[in-house]
Amino acid sequence: MSQKALVLDEQAIGRALTRIAHQIIEKNKGISDCVLIGIRTRGIYLAKRLAAKIEEIEGNSIPVGELDITLYRDDLSIKTDNQEPLVKGSDISFEINNKKVILVDDVLYTGRTVRAGLDALMDIGRPSVIQLAVLVDRGHRELPIRADYVGKNIPTSNNEKIVVELKEVDQEDQVAIYDN
């Protein structure tokens, strides 16, 4: 796999998250009854960064949770080669019933991860609204899912791969396109 193009650097990621934070506040007329839930792994760190930016803007904190969708994947048997999947568990220490849940992920591609996230959320509670925030939307949907908030639309071919790296996991912030 060779890097084809660097699409977002650290500053661009920061600007995209600031824009998404403002859009979340505007669309929801503040952050009352809003919660952020990040999909494991990078969605969690993006949700925490969004929460920090929202607090900076609004002066109030917004709850952040972690969602593990491993057992909700429709491709589980393909991904695990008949081994037990590694489940890290969700960490949502607040009520989501009747809340505006903003589900956060790094890349929106086929929509299957988001579908799994929706299933996992509905097993936890019944939000009044579920919105989707993604850093990158690369197209190629297989399910009728769209993001409410997008950091950057990056049209790609199926032969390309989008790699999101975040300091919390990868020691640097960047988004790049790779040839598969």
N, C-alpha and C. Protein backbone atom coordinates (compact mmCIF):
# COMPACT_ATOMS: atom_id res chain seq x y z
N MET A 1 0.85 -1.18 0.00
CA MET A 1 0.00 0.00 0.00
C MET A 1 0.90 1.25 0.00
N SER A 2 0.73 2.10 -1.01
CA SER A 2 1.56 3.31 -1.08
C SER A 2 0.68 4.56 -1.00
N GLN A 3 1.19 5.57 -0.29
CA GLN A 3 0.44 6.80 -0.12
C GLN A 3 0.35 7.54 -1.45
N LYS A 4 -0.87 7.90 -1.80
CA LYS A 4 -1.14 8.58 -3.06
C LYS A 4 -1.22 10.09 -2.85
N ALA A 5 -1.89 10.50 -1.76
CA ALA A 5 -2.06 11.93 -1.49
C ALA A 5 -2.37 12.16 -0.02
N LEU A 6 -1.81 13.22 0.52
CA LEU A 6 -2.16 13.68 1.87
C LEU A 6 -3.33 14.64 1.69
N VAL A 7 -4.47 14.34 2.30
CA VAL A 7 -5.67 15.13 2.05
C VAL A 7 -5.92 16.14 3.16
N LEU A 8 -5.69 15.75 4.41
CA LEU A 8 -5.86 16.64 5.55
C LEU A 8 -4.64 16.53 6.45
N ASP A 9 -4.11 17.68 6.83
CA ASP A 9 -3.03 17.70 7.83
C ASP A 9 -3.63 18.07 9.18
N GLU A 10 -2.81 18.24 10.18
CA GLU A 10 -3.28 18.52 11.54
C GLU A 10 -4.16 19.76 11.60
N GLN A 11 -3.73 20.85 10.93
CA GLN A 11 -4.49 22.09 10.95
C GLN A 11 -5.84 21.93 10.25
N ALA A 12 -5.85 21.22 9.12
CA ALA A 12 -7.10 21.01 8.38
C ALA A 12 -8.09 20.16 9.18
N ILE A 13 -7.59 19.16 9.88
CA ILE A 13 -8.45 18.34 10.75
C ILE A 13 -9.05 19.23 11.84
N GLY A 14 -8.24 20.07 12.45
CA GLY A 14 -8.73 20.99 13.48
C GLY A 14 -9.80 21.94 12.96
N ARG A 15 -9.58 22.49 11.77
CA ARG A 15 -10.58 23.38 11.17
C ARG A 15 -11.88 22.64 10.87
N ALA A 16 -11.75 21.43 10.35
CA ALA A 16 -12.95 20.63 10.02
C ALA A 16 -13.76 20.35 11.29
N LEU A 17 -13.08 19.99 12.37
CA LEU A 17 -13.78 19.69 13.63
C LEU A 17 -14.42 20.95 14.22
N THR A 18 -13.75 22.10 14.09
CA THR A 18 -14.33 23.37 14.56
C THR A 18 -15.60 23.67 13.78
N ARG A 19 -15.57 23.48 12.47
CA ARG A 19 -16.74 23.73 11.63
C ARG A 19 -17.89 22.79 12.02
N ILE A 20 -17.57 21.50 12.22
CA ILE A 20 -18.60 20.53 12.62
C ILE A 20 -19.20 20.92 13.97
N ALA A 21 -18.36 21.34 14.92
CA ALA A 21 -18.85 21.75 16.24
C ALA A 21 -19.84 22.90 16.12
N HIS A 22 -19.51 23.90 15.30
CA HIS A 22 -20.42 25.03 15.08
C HIS A 22 -21.73 24.57 14.44
N GLN A 23 -21.65 23.64 13.48
CA GLN A 23 -22.84 23.14 12.81
C GLN A 23 -23.74 22.36 13.77
N ILE A 24 -23.13 21.57 14.64
CA ILE A 24 -23.90 20.82 15.64
C ILE A 24 -24.67 21.79 16.54
N ILE A 25 -23.99 22.81 17.02
CA ILE A 25 -24.61 23.80 17.90
C ILE A 25 -25.74 24.53 17.18
N GLU A 26 -25.48 24.93 15.94
CA GLU A 26 -26.48 25.66 15.16
C GLU A 26 -27.71 24.79 14.86
N LYS A 27 -27.49 23.58 14.37
CA LYS A 27 -28.61 22.71 13.98
C LYS A 27 -29.49 22.35 15.18
N ASN A 28 -28.86 22.17 16.35
CA ASN A 28 -29.59 21.75 17.54
C ASN A 28 -29.99 22.92 18.44
N LYS A 29 -29.74 24.15 17.95
CA LYS A 29 -30.07 25.37 18.72
C LYS A 29 -29.47 25.32 20.12
N GLY A 30 -28.18 25.00 20.16
CA GLY A 30 -27.46 24.83 21.41
C GLY A 30 -27.13 23.36 21.61
N ILE A 31 -26.80 23.01 22.84
CA ILE A 31 -26.42 21.60 23.10
C ILE A 31 -27.30 20.95 24.16
N SER A 32 -28.42 21.60 24.47
CA SER A 32 -29.35 21.04 25.44
C SER A 32 -29.84 19.68 24.95
N ASP A 33 -29.76 18.68 25.78
CA ASP A 33 -30.19 17.31 25.48
C ASP A 33 -29.34 16.62 24.41
N CYS A 34 -28.17 17.18 24.08
CA CYS A 34 -27.28 16.55 23.09
C CYS A 34 -26.20 15.73 23.79
N VAL A 35 -25.83 14.62 23.17
CA VAL A 35 -24.71 13.80 23.63
C VAL A 35 -23.91 13.37 22.40
N LEU A 36 -22.63 13.18 22.59
CA LEU A 36 -21.75 12.68 21.53
C LEU A 36 -21.36 11.25 21.85
N ILE A 37 -21.46 10.37 20.84
CA ILE A 37 -21.04 8.98 21.04
C ILE A 37 -20.12 8.60 19.88
N GLY A 38 -18.88 8.29 20.21
CA GLY A 38 -17.89 7.93 19.20
C GLY A 38 -17.86 6.43 18.97
N ILE A 39 -17.77 6.06 17.68
CA ILE A 39 -17.63 4.65 17.33
C ILE A 39 -16.17 4.27 17.46
N ARG A 40 -15.90 3.18 18.19
CA ARG A 40 -14.56 2.68 18.39
C ARG A 40 -13.85 2.46 17.06
N THR A 41 -12.67 2.86 16.85
CA THR A 41 -11.70 3.44 17.76
C THR A 41 -11.56 4.95 17.53
N ARG A 42 -11.31 5.37 16.31
CA ARG A 42 -11.01 6.77 16.08
C ARG A 42 -12.20 7.70 16.28
N GLY A 43 -13.41 7.18 16.13
CA GLY A 43 -14.59 7.99 16.38
C GLY A 43 -14.66 8.50 17.81
N ILE A 44 -14.11 7.72 18.73
CA ILE A 44 -14.10 8.13 20.14
C ILE A 44 -13.25 9.38 20.32
N TYR A 45 -12.07 9.39 19.73
CA TYR A 45 -11.17 10.53 19.89
C TYR A 45 -11.70 11.76 19.16
N LEU A 46 -12.35 11.56 18.02
CA LEU A 46 -12.97 12.68 17.32
C LEU A 46 -14.13 13.24 18.14
N ALA A 47 -14.91 12.38 18.78
CA ALA A 47 -16.01 12.83 19.64
C ALA A 47 -15.48 13.65 20.82
N LYS A 48 -14.37 13.20 21.41
CA LYS A 48 -13.78 13.94 22.54
C LYS A 48 -13.26 15.31 22.09
N ARG A 49 -12.67 15.35 20.89
CA ARG A 49 -12.19 16.63 20.36
C ARG A 49 -13.36 17.57 20.06
N LEU A 50 -14.45 17.00 19.49
CA LEU A 50 -15.64 17.82 19.24
C LEU A 50 -16.21 18.37 20.54
N ALA A 51 -16.25 17.52 21.57
CA ALA A 51 -16.77 17.95 22.86
C ALA A 51 -15.96 19.12 23.41
N ALA A 52 -14.64 19.06 23.27
CA ALA A 52 -13.78 20.14 23.75
C ALA A 52 -14.05 21.43 22.97
N LYS A 53 -14.23 21.32 21.67
CA LYS A 53 -14.51 22.51 20.85
C LYS A 53 -15.88 23.08 21.17
N ILE A 54 -16.87 22.22 21.37
CA ILE A 54 -18.21 22.67 21.73
C ILE A 54 -18.19 23.38 23.08
N GLU A 55 -17.45 22.82 24.03
CA GLU A 55 -17.35 23.47 25.35
C GLU A 55 -16.67 24.83 25.24
N GLU A 56 -15.66 24.92 24.38
CA GLU A 56 -14.97 26.19 24.14
C GLU A 56 -15.95 27.24 23.59
N ILE A 57 -16.82 26.83 22.70
CA ILE A 57 -17.77 27.75 22.06
C ILE A 57 -18.94 28.08 22.98
N GLU A 58 -19.54 27.06 23.57
CA GLU A 58 -20.77 27.22 24.35
C GLU A 58 -20.53 27.53 25.83
N GLY A 59 -19.36 27.14 26.34
CA GLY A 59 -19.10 27.33 27.76
C GLY A 59 -19.71 26.24 28.63
N ASN A 60 -20.33 25.25 28.02
CA ASN A 60 -20.91 24.12 28.74
C ASN A 60 -20.37 22.83 28.15
N SER A 61 -20.26 21.80 29.01
CA SER A 61 -19.75 20.52 28.51
C SER A 61 -20.89 19.69 27.92
N ILE A 62 -20.50 18.75 27.09
CA ILE A 62 -21.45 17.83 26.46
C ILE A 62 -20.96 16.41 26.76
N PRO A 63 -21.84 15.52 27.20
CA PRO A 63 -21.41 14.15 27.53
C PRO A 63 -20.86 13.42 26.30
N VAL A 64 -19.84 12.59 26.54
CA VAL A 64 -19.22 11.81 25.47
C VAL A 64 -19.19 10.35 25.88
N GLY A 65 -19.64 9.49 24.97
CA GLY A 65 -19.62 8.05 25.21
C GLY A 65 -18.86 7.32 24.13
N GLU A 66 -18.58 6.04 24.41
CA GLU A 66 -17.83 5.19 23.48
C GLU A 66 -18.70 4.00 23.10
N LEU A 67 -18.78 3.72 21.78
CA LEU A 67 -19.62 2.65 21.29
C LEU A 67 -18.78 1.60 20.58
N ASP A 68 -18.90 0.35 21.03
CA ASP A 68 -18.23 -0.78 20.38
C ASP A 68 -19.28 -1.50 19.54
N ILE A 69 -19.08 -1.54 18.23
CA ILE A 69 -20.06 -2.15 17.33
C ILE A 69 -19.65 -3.54 16.86
N THR A 70 -18.59 -4.07 17.42
CA THR A 70 -18.02 -5.34 16.95
C THR A 70 -19.07 -6.42 16.74
N LEU A 71 -19.93 -6.65 17.71
CA LEU A 71 -20.90 -7.74 17.61
C LEU A 71 -22.10 -7.41 16.72
N TYR A 72 -22.17 -6.17 16.24
CA TYR A 72 -23.27 -5.74 15.39
C TYR A 72 -22.90 -5.73 13.91
N ARG A 73 -21.65 -6.04 13.60
CA ARG A 73 -21.19 -6.03 12.21
C ARG A 73 -21.87 -7.14 11.42
N ASP A 74 -22.26 -6.84 10.18
CA ASP A 74 -22.86 -7.88 9.35
C ASP A 74 -21.81 -8.71 8.63
N ASP A 75 -20.55 -8.31 8.76
CA ASP A 75 -19.45 -9.05 8.13
C ASP A 75 -18.55 -9.70 9.18
N LEU A 76 -19.09 -9.95 10.36
CA LEU A 76 -18.30 -10.46 11.48
C LEU A 76 -17.61 -11.78 11.14
N SER A 77 -18.31 -12.70 10.53
CA SER A 77 -17.70 -13.99 10.23
C SER A 77 -16.58 -13.86 9.19
N ILE A 78 -16.71 -12.91 8.30
CA ILE A 78 -15.67 -12.68 7.28
C ILE A 78 -14.43 -12.06 7.92
N LYS A 79 -14.65 -11.08 8.82
CA LYS A 79 -13.53 -10.36 9.41
C LYS A 79 -12.74 -11.18 10.42
N THR A 80 -13.38 -12.10 11.11
CA THR A 80 -12.71 -12.79 12.21
C THR A 80 -12.16 -14.16 11.85
N ASP A 81 -12.39 -14.64 10.63
CA ASP A 81 -11.90 -15.97 10.23
C ASP A 81 -12.28 -17.03 11.26
N ASN A 82 -13.53 -16.98 11.72
CA ASN A 82 -14.08 -17.95 12.67
C ASN A 82 -13.38 -17.95 14.03
N GLN A 83 -12.64 -16.90 14.34
CA GLN A 83 -12.07 -16.73 15.68
C GLN A 83 -13.01 -15.83 16.45
N GLU A 84 -12.86 -15.84 17.76
CA GLU A 84 -13.68 -14.97 18.57
C GLU A 84 -13.31 -13.51 18.30
N PRO A 85 -14.29 -12.63 18.06
CA PRO A 85 -13.99 -11.22 17.83
C PRO A 85 -13.50 -10.56 19.11
N LEU A 86 -12.64 -9.56 18.98
CA LEU A 86 -12.13 -8.82 20.12
C LEU A 86 -13.13 -7.72 20.46
N VAL A 87 -13.85 -7.89 21.55
CA VAL A 87 -14.86 -6.92 21.97
C VAL A 87 -14.29 -6.12 23.12
N LYS A 88 -14.25 -4.80 22.94
CA LYS A 88 -13.71 -3.93 23.99
C LYS A 88 -14.82 -3.33 24.84
N GLY A 89 -16.04 -3.37 24.34
CA GLY A 89 -17.18 -2.88 25.11
C GLY A 89 -17.46 -1.41 24.91
N SER A 90 -18.70 -1.06 25.14
CA SER A 90 -19.12 0.33 25.04
C SER A 90 -19.00 0.97 26.42
N ASP A 91 -18.85 2.28 26.43
CA ASP A 91 -18.78 3.03 27.68
C ASP A 91 -19.67 4.26 27.54
N ILE A 92 -20.93 4.08 27.91
CA ILE A 92 -21.89 5.18 27.86
C ILE A 92 -22.49 5.28 29.26
N SER A 93 -21.99 6.24 30.02
CA SER A 93 -22.36 6.35 31.43
C SER A 93 -23.50 7.33 31.67
N PHE A 94 -24.27 7.61 30.62
CA PHE A 94 -25.38 8.56 30.74
C PHE A 94 -26.57 7.99 29.97
N GLU A 95 -27.71 8.54 30.25
CA GLU A 95 -28.96 8.12 29.62
C GLU A 95 -29.02 8.65 28.19
N ILE A 96 -29.44 7.79 27.23
CA ILE A 96 -29.61 8.30 25.85
C ILE A 96 -31.09 8.38 25.46
N ASN A 97 -31.98 7.88 26.32
CA ASN A 97 -33.41 7.99 26.02
C ASN A 97 -33.80 9.46 25.90
N ASN A 98 -34.52 9.77 24.83
CA ASN A 98 -35.01 11.12 24.56
C ASN A 98 -33.90 12.16 24.40
N LYS A 99 -32.68 11.73 24.13
CA LYS A 99 -31.56 12.64 23.88
C LYS A 99 -31.31 12.77 22.38
N LYS A 100 -30.65 13.85 22.01
CA LYS A 100 -30.18 14.02 20.65
C LYS A 100 -28.77 13.42 20.61
N VAL A 101 -28.65 12.25 20.00
CA VAL A 101 -27.37 11.55 19.95
C VAL A 101 -26.66 11.91 18.65
N ILE A 102 -25.44 12.40 18.78
CA ILE A 102 -24.60 12.64 17.61
C ILE A 102 -23.58 11.52 17.58
N LEU A 103 -23.75 10.60 16.63
CA LEU A 103 -22.85 9.47 16.45
C LEU A 103 -21.65 9.97 15.64
N VAL A 104 -20.44 9.67 16.10
CA VAL A 104 -19.22 10.21 15.48
C VAL A 104 -18.34 9.07 14.99
N ASP A 105 -17.87 9.18 13.73
CA ASP A 105 -16.94 8.20 13.18
C ASP A 105 -15.92 8.92 12.31
N ASP A 106 -14.86 8.21 11.97
CA ASP A 106 -13.80 8.85 11.18
C ASP A 106 -14.12 8.87 9.70
N VAL A 107 -14.52 7.73 9.11
CA VAL A 107 -14.76 7.65 7.67
C VAL A 107 -16.13 7.02 7.41
N LEU A 108 -16.91 7.66 6.54
CA LEU A 108 -18.15 7.07 6.07
C LEU A 108 -17.89 6.53 4.67
N TYR A 109 -18.11 5.22 4.51
CA TYR A 109 -17.81 4.55 3.24
C TYR A 109 -19.08 3.83 2.79
N THR A 110 -19.23 2.56 3.08
CA THR A 110 -20.39 1.80 2.62
C THR A 110 -21.64 2.07 3.44
N GLY A 111 -21.47 2.52 4.68
CA GLY A 111 -22.59 2.75 5.59
C GLY A 111 -22.83 1.61 6.55
N ARG A 112 -22.09 0.52 6.37
CA ARG A 112 -22.31 -0.66 7.21
C ARG A 112 -21.88 -0.44 8.67
N THR A 113 -20.82 0.30 8.89
CA THR A 113 -20.38 0.60 10.26
C THR A 113 -21.44 1.44 10.96
N VAL A 114 -21.97 2.42 10.27
CA VAL A 114 -23.00 3.28 10.86
C VAL A 114 -24.26 2.48 11.15
N ARG A 115 -24.66 1.59 10.24
CA ARG A 115 -25.82 0.74 10.49
C ARG A 115 -25.62 -0.08 11.75
N ALA A 116 -24.43 -0.63 11.92
CA ALA A 116 -24.13 -1.39 13.12
C ALA A 116 -24.20 -0.48 14.36
N GLY A 117 -23.72 0.76 14.22
CA GLY A 117 -23.80 1.71 15.31
C GLY A 117 -25.23 2.04 15.69
N LEU A 118 -26.09 2.19 14.69
CA LEU A 118 -27.51 2.47 14.95
C LEU A 118 -28.14 1.30 15.70
N ASP A 119 -27.85 0.08 15.27
CA ASP A 119 -28.38 -1.10 15.95
C ASP A 119 -27.91 -1.15 17.41
N ALA A 120 -26.63 -0.88 17.62
CA ALA A 120 -26.08 -0.90 18.99
C ALA A 120 -26.73 0.17 19.86
N LEU A 121 -26.93 1.36 19.31
CA LEU A 121 -27.57 2.44 20.07
C LEU A 121 -29.00 2.08 20.45
N MET A 122 -29.73 1.49 19.52
CA MET A 122 -31.13 1.15 19.80
C MET A 122 -31.25 0.05 20.86
N ASP A 123 -30.21 -0.76 21.01
CA ASP A 123 -30.21 -1.75 22.08
C ASP A 123 -29.95 -1.11 23.45
N ILE A 124 -29.37 0.08 23.44
CA ILE A 124 -29.05 0.77 24.70
C ILE A 124 -30.22 1.63 25.16
N GLY A 125 -30.91 2.25 24.21
CA GLY A 125 -32.00 3.15 24.57
C GLY A 125 -32.71 3.67 23.34
N ARG A 126 -33.56 4.66 23.56
CA ARG A 126 -34.34 5.23 22.45
C ARG A 126 -34.12 6.74 22.40
N PRO A 127 -33.12 7.18 21.63
CA PRO A 127 -32.88 8.61 21.48
C PRO A 127 -34.03 9.29 20.75
N SER A 128 -34.20 10.60 20.96
CA SER A 128 -35.23 11.33 20.21
C SER A 128 -34.77 11.53 18.78
N VAL A 129 -33.45 11.69 18.58
CA VAL A 129 -32.86 11.91 17.26
C VAL A 129 -31.47 11.30 17.26
N ILE A 130 -31.07 10.74 16.13
CA ILE A 130 -29.68 10.32 15.95
C ILE A 130 -29.15 11.05 14.73
N GLN A 131 -28.05 11.77 14.93
CA GLN A 131 -27.37 12.48 13.85
C GLN A 131 -26.00 11.85 13.66
N LEU A 132 -25.42 12.04 12.48
CA LEU A 132 -24.13 11.43 12.18
C LEU A 132 -23.12 12.50 11.80
N ALA A 133 -21.96 12.46 12.47
CA ALA A 133 -20.85 13.35 12.16
C ALA A 133 -19.65 12.50 11.77
N VAL A 134 -19.04 12.80 10.62
CA VAL A 134 -17.87 12.07 10.16
C VAL A 134 -16.79 13.05 9.73
N LEU A 135 -15.55 12.66 9.92
CA LEU A 135 -14.44 13.49 9.46
C LEU A 135 -14.35 13.44 7.95
N VAL A 136 -14.52 12.24 7.36
CA VAL A 136 -14.39 12.06 5.91
C VAL A 136 -15.57 11.25 5.37
N ASP A 137 -16.15 11.75 4.28
CA ASP A 137 -17.14 10.97 3.54
C ASP A 137 -16.52 10.65 2.19
N ARG A 138 -16.29 9.38 1.92
CA ARG A 138 -15.61 8.98 0.68
C ARG A 138 -16.53 8.41 -0.38
N GLY A 139 -17.85 8.38 -0.10
CA GLY A 139 -18.79 7.87 -1.09
C GLY A 139 -18.88 6.36 -1.09
N HIS A 140 -19.46 5.80 -2.14
CA HIS A 140 -19.59 4.35 -2.35
C HIS A 140 -20.54 3.69 -1.37
N ARG A 141 -21.66 4.35 -1.06
CA ARG A 141 -22.61 3.80 -0.10
C ARG A 141 -23.26 2.53 -0.61
N GLU A 142 -23.43 1.56 0.27
CA GLU A 142 -24.18 0.33 -0.01
C GLU A 142 -25.52 0.35 0.71
N LEU A 143 -25.67 1.25 1.66
CA LEU A 143 -26.91 1.40 2.43
C LEU A 143 -27.34 2.87 2.36
N PRO A 144 -28.63 3.14 2.53
CA PRO A 144 -29.12 4.52 2.42
C PRO A 144 -28.83 5.34 3.68
N ILE A 145 -27.56 5.66 3.86
CA ILE A 145 -27.11 6.40 5.04
C ILE A 145 -26.34 7.61 4.57
N ARG A 146 -26.59 8.76 5.22
CA ARG A 146 -25.83 9.97 4.90
C ARG A 146 -25.46 10.68 6.21
N ALA A 147 -24.38 11.43 6.16
CA ALA A 147 -23.93 12.15 7.34
C ALA A 147 -24.61 13.51 7.44
N ASP A 148 -24.91 13.93 8.66
CA ASP A 148 -25.45 15.27 8.90
C ASP A 148 -24.33 16.30 8.92
N TYR A 149 -23.14 15.86 9.34
CA TYR A 149 -21.99 16.76 9.46
C TYR A 149 -20.78 16.06 8.85
N VAL A 150 -20.11 16.72 7.91
CA VAL A 150 -18.97 16.13 7.22
C VAL A 150 -17.80 17.10 7.26
N GLY A 151 -16.64 16.60 7.71
CA GLY A 151 -15.43 17.43 7.70
C GLY A 151 -14.95 17.67 6.28
N LYS A 152 -14.88 16.60 5.48
CA LYS A 152 -14.43 16.72 4.09
C LYS A 152 -14.98 15.57 3.27
N ASN A 153 -15.52 15.92 2.10
CA ASN A 153 -15.93 14.91 1.12
C ASN A 153 -14.72 14.62 0.25
N ILE A 154 -14.35 13.34 0.17
CA ILE A 154 -13.19 12.93 -0.64
C ILE A 154 -13.64 11.83 -1.58
N PRO A 155 -13.95 12.19 -2.83
CA PRO A 155 -14.33 11.16 -3.79
C PRO A 155 -13.16 10.21 -4.03
N THR A 156 -13.43 8.92 -3.98
CA THR A 156 -12.37 7.92 -4.14
C THR A 156 -12.86 6.82 -5.07
N SER A 157 -11.93 6.01 -5.51
CA SER A 157 -12.31 4.80 -6.25
C SER A 157 -12.30 3.65 -5.24
N ASN A 158 -12.89 2.54 -5.63
CA ASN A 158 -12.90 1.37 -4.75
C ASN A 158 -11.50 0.77 -4.59
N ASN A 159 -10.57 1.16 -5.44
CA ASN A 159 -9.19 0.67 -5.36
C ASN A 159 -8.34 1.50 -4.41
N GLU A 160 -8.93 2.54 -3.85
CA GLU A 160 -8.20 3.40 -2.93
C GLU A 160 -8.69 3.18 -1.51
N LYS A 161 -7.84 3.56 -0.57
CA LYS A 161 -8.17 3.43 0.85
C LYS A 161 -7.91 4.77 1.52
N ILE A 162 -8.82 5.19 2.38
CA ILE A 162 -8.63 6.40 3.17
C ILE A 162 -8.09 5.96 4.53
N VAL A 163 -6.99 6.56 4.94
CA VAL A 163 -6.40 6.24 6.25
C VAL A 163 -6.42 7.50 7.10
N VAL A 164 -7.13 7.42 8.22
CA VAL A 164 -7.18 8.52 9.19
C VAL A 164 -6.24 8.16 10.32
N GLU A 165 -5.31 9.05 10.59
CA GLU A 165 -4.39 8.87 11.71
C GLU A 165 -4.63 10.00 12.71
N LEU A 166 -4.74 9.63 13.97
CA LEU A 166 -4.94 10.60 15.05
C LEU A 166 -3.86 10.43 16.10
N LYS A 167 -3.43 11.56 16.67
CA LYS A 167 -2.35 11.54 17.66
C LYS A 167 -2.58 10.56 18.79
N GLU A 168 -3.84 10.45 19.23
CA GLU A 168 -4.15 9.59 20.37
C GLU A 168 -3.83 8.12 20.10
N VAL A 169 -3.84 7.72 18.83
CA VAL A 169 -3.61 6.32 18.47
C VAL A 169 -2.36 6.16 17.62
N ASP A 170 -2.13 7.09 16.72
CA ASP A 170 -1.10 6.94 15.68
C ASP A 170 0.07 7.92 15.81
N GLN A 171 0.08 8.75 16.83
CA GLN A 171 1.13 9.72 17.11
C GLN A 171 1.19 10.90 16.14
N GLU A 172 0.27 10.98 15.15
CA GLU A 172 0.18 12.17 14.30
C GLU A 172 -1.23 12.30 13.76
N ASP A 173 -1.58 13.52 13.37
CA ASP A 173 -2.88 13.80 12.79
C ASP A 173 -2.75 13.99 11.30
N GLN A 174 -3.40 13.11 10.54
CA GLN A 174 -3.45 13.30 9.09
C GLN A 174 -4.48 12.34 8.48
N VAL A 175 -4.93 12.71 7.29
CA VAL A 175 -5.80 11.84 6.50
C VAL A 175 -5.14 11.73 5.13
N ALA A 176 -4.95 10.50 4.67
CA ALA A 176 -4.28 10.27 3.38
C ALA A 176 -5.04 9.24 2.57
N ILE A 177 -4.84 9.31 1.25
CA ILE A 177 -5.37 8.32 0.33
C ILE A 177 -4.23 7.39 -0.04
N TYR A 178 -4.51 6.11 0.01
CA TYR A 178 -3.52 5.10 -0.37
C TYR A 178 -4.06 4.26 -1.52
N ASP A 179 -3.16 3.80 -2.37
CA ASP A 179 -3.53 2.81 -3.38
C ASP A 179 -3.62 1.47 -2.67
N ASN A 180 -4.68 0.77 -2.89
CA ASN A 180 -4.88 -0.52 -2.23
C ASN A 180 -4.08 -1.62 -2.90
